[in-house]
Amino acid sequence: MDTSEVFSRIVAIYEDGGVVPACAWCGRVRIDDTWVVPPPAALEAIDARNTLSHSMCDACASRGAPA
């Protein structure tokens, strides 16, 4: 998934009133069960405070990030 597609998906989820899961440790977001680095512009284009739902990605969970 390229940067422009990630940007479009995040904005579309926001506009639909959805929630974007975001890893509280590494900052990646989950789009279609894939954890990706969000473009900063996408997070600036949405109301991130009310759109991101903090979670933990599989990579951070397997490294034993603090819960």
C-alpha atoms as a PDB file:
ATOM      1  CA  MET A   1       0.000   0.000   0.000  1.00  0.00           C
ATOM      2  CA  ASP A   2       1.629   3.261  -1.082  1.00  0.00           C
ATOM      3  CA  THR A   3       1.560   6.575   0.782  1.00  0.00           C
ATOM      4  CA  SER A   4      -1.191   8.144  -1.296  1.00  0.00           C
ATOM      5  CA  GLU A   5      -3.429   5.115  -0.807  1.00  0.00           C
ATOM      6  CA  VAL A   6      -2.839   5.167   2.962  1.00  0.00           C
ATOM      7  CA  PHE A   7      -3.623   8.907   3.004  1.00  0.00           C
ATOM      8  CA  SER A   8      -6.860   8.344   1.049  1.00  0.00           C
ATOM      9  CA  ARG A   9      -7.956   5.443   3.250  1.00  0.00           C
ATOM     10  CA  ILE A  10      -7.358   7.350   6.493  1.00  0.00           C
ATOM     11  CA  VAL A  11      -9.280  10.381   5.241  1.00  0.00           C
ATOM     12  CA  ALA A  12     -12.127   8.158   3.951  1.00  0.00           C
ATOM     13  CA  ILE A  13     -12.421   6.389   7.317  1.00  0.00           C
ATOM     14  CA  TYR A  14     -12.479   9.781   9.054  1.00  0.00           C
ATOM     15  CA  GLU A  15     -15.124  11.176   6.698  1.00  0.00           C
ATOM     16  CA  ASP A  16     -17.288   8.077   7.255  1.00  0.00           C
ATOM     17  CA  GLY A  17     -17.100   8.608  11.024  1.00  0.00           C
ATOM     18  CA  GLY A  18     -14.972   5.527  11.557  1.00  0.00           C
ATOM     19  CA  VAL A  19     -12.050   4.837  13.829  1.00  0.00           C
ATOM     20  CA  VAL A  20      -8.473   4.106  12.766  1.00  0.00           C
ATOM     21  CA  PRO A  21      -6.554   1.767  15.111  1.00  0.00           C
ATOM     22  CA  ALA A  22      -3.108   3.211  15.878  1.00  0.00           C
ATOM     23  CA  CYS A  23      -0.265   1.505  17.734  1.00  0.00           C
ATOM     24  CA  ALA A  24       0.412   3.465  20.899  1.00  0.00           C
ATOM     25  CA  TRP A  25       4.073   2.387  20.832  1.00  0.00           C
ATOM     26  CA  CYS A  26       5.288   2.755  17.215  1.00  0.00           C
ATOM     27  CA  GLY A  27       2.571   5.008  15.748  1.00  0.00           C
ATOM     28  CA  ARG A  28       1.645   2.789  12.808  1.00  0.00           C
ATOM     29  CA  VAL A  29      -2.035   2.557  11.863  1.00  0.00           C
ATOM     30  CA  ARG A  30      -4.047  -0.476  10.800  1.00  0.00           C
ATOM     31  CA  ILE A  31      -5.635  -0.349   7.367  1.00  0.00           C
ATOM     32  CA  ASP A  32      -7.335  -3.572   6.217  1.00  0.00           C
ATOM     33  CA  ASP A  33      -5.482  -5.692   8.807  1.00  0.00           C
ATOM     34  CA  THR A  34      -2.101  -4.278   7.717  1.00  0.00           C
ATOM     35  CA  TRP A  35      -0.080  -2.027  10.005  1.00  0.00           C
ATOM     36  CA  VAL A  36       1.469   0.866   8.050  1.00  0.00           C
ATOM     37  CA  VAL A  37       3.268   4.133   8.804  1.00  0.00           C
ATOM     38  CA  PRO A  38       0.748   6.936   8.304  1.00  0.00           C
ATOM     39  CA  PRO A  39       1.762   9.966   6.276  1.00  0.00           C
ATOM     40  CA  PRO A  40       1.934  12.965   8.653  1.00  0.00           C
ATOM     41  CA  ALA A  41      -0.299  14.939   6.288  1.00  0.00           C
ATOM     42  CA  ALA A  42      -3.079  12.372   6.739  1.00  0.00           C
ATOM     43  CA  LEU A  43      -3.042  12.777  10.506  1.00  0.00           C
ATOM     44  CA  GLU A  44      -3.060  16.566  10.087  1.00  0.00           C
ATOM     45  CA  ALA A  45      -6.030  16.364   7.684  1.00  0.00           C
ATOM     46  CA  ILE A  46      -8.260  14.548  10.187  1.00  0.00           C
ATOM     47  CA  ASP A  47      -9.352  15.062  13.763  1.00  0.00           C
ATOM     48  CA  ALA A  48      -6.786  12.512  14.972  1.00  0.00           C
ATOM     49  CA  ARG A  49      -7.727  12.989  18.620  1.00  0.00           C
ATOM     50  CA  ASN A  50     -11.236  11.660  17.928  1.00  0.00           C
ATOM     51  CA  THR A  51     -10.423   9.317  15.028  1.00  0.00           C
ATOM     52  CA  LEU A  52      -7.447   7.291  16.251  1.00  0.00           C
ATOM     53  CA  SER A  53      -8.104   4.438  18.645  1.00  0.00           C
ATOM     54  CA  HIS A  54      -4.894   3.407  20.345  1.00  0.00           C
ATOM     55  CA  SER A  55      -4.028  -0.227  20.223  1.00  0.00           C
ATOM     56  CA  MET A  56      -0.874  -2.340  19.904  1.00  0.00           C
ATOM     57  CA  CYS A  57       0.416  -3.687  16.605  1.00  0.00           C
ATOM     58  CA  ASP A  58       1.582  -7.281  16.270  1.00  0.00           C
ATOM     59  CA  ALA A  59       5.255  -6.301  15.973  1.00  0.00           C
ATOM     60  CA  CYS A  60       5.221  -4.289  19.214  1.00  0.00           C
ATOM     61  CA  ALA A  61       3.254  -7.014  20.976  1.00  0.00           C
ATOM     62  CA  SER A  62       5.797  -9.647  19.946  1.00  0.00           C
ATOM     63  CA  ARG A  63       8.682  -7.451  21.167  1.00  0.00           C
ATOM     64  CA  GLY A  64       6.997  -7.204  24.530  1.00  0.00           C
ATOM     65  CA  ALA A  65       6.121  -3.509  24.534  1.00  0.00           C
ATOM     66  CA  PRO A  66       4.739  -2.498  27.938  1.00  0.00           C
ATOM     67  CA  ALA A  67       0.980  -2.916  28.244  1.00  0.00           C
END
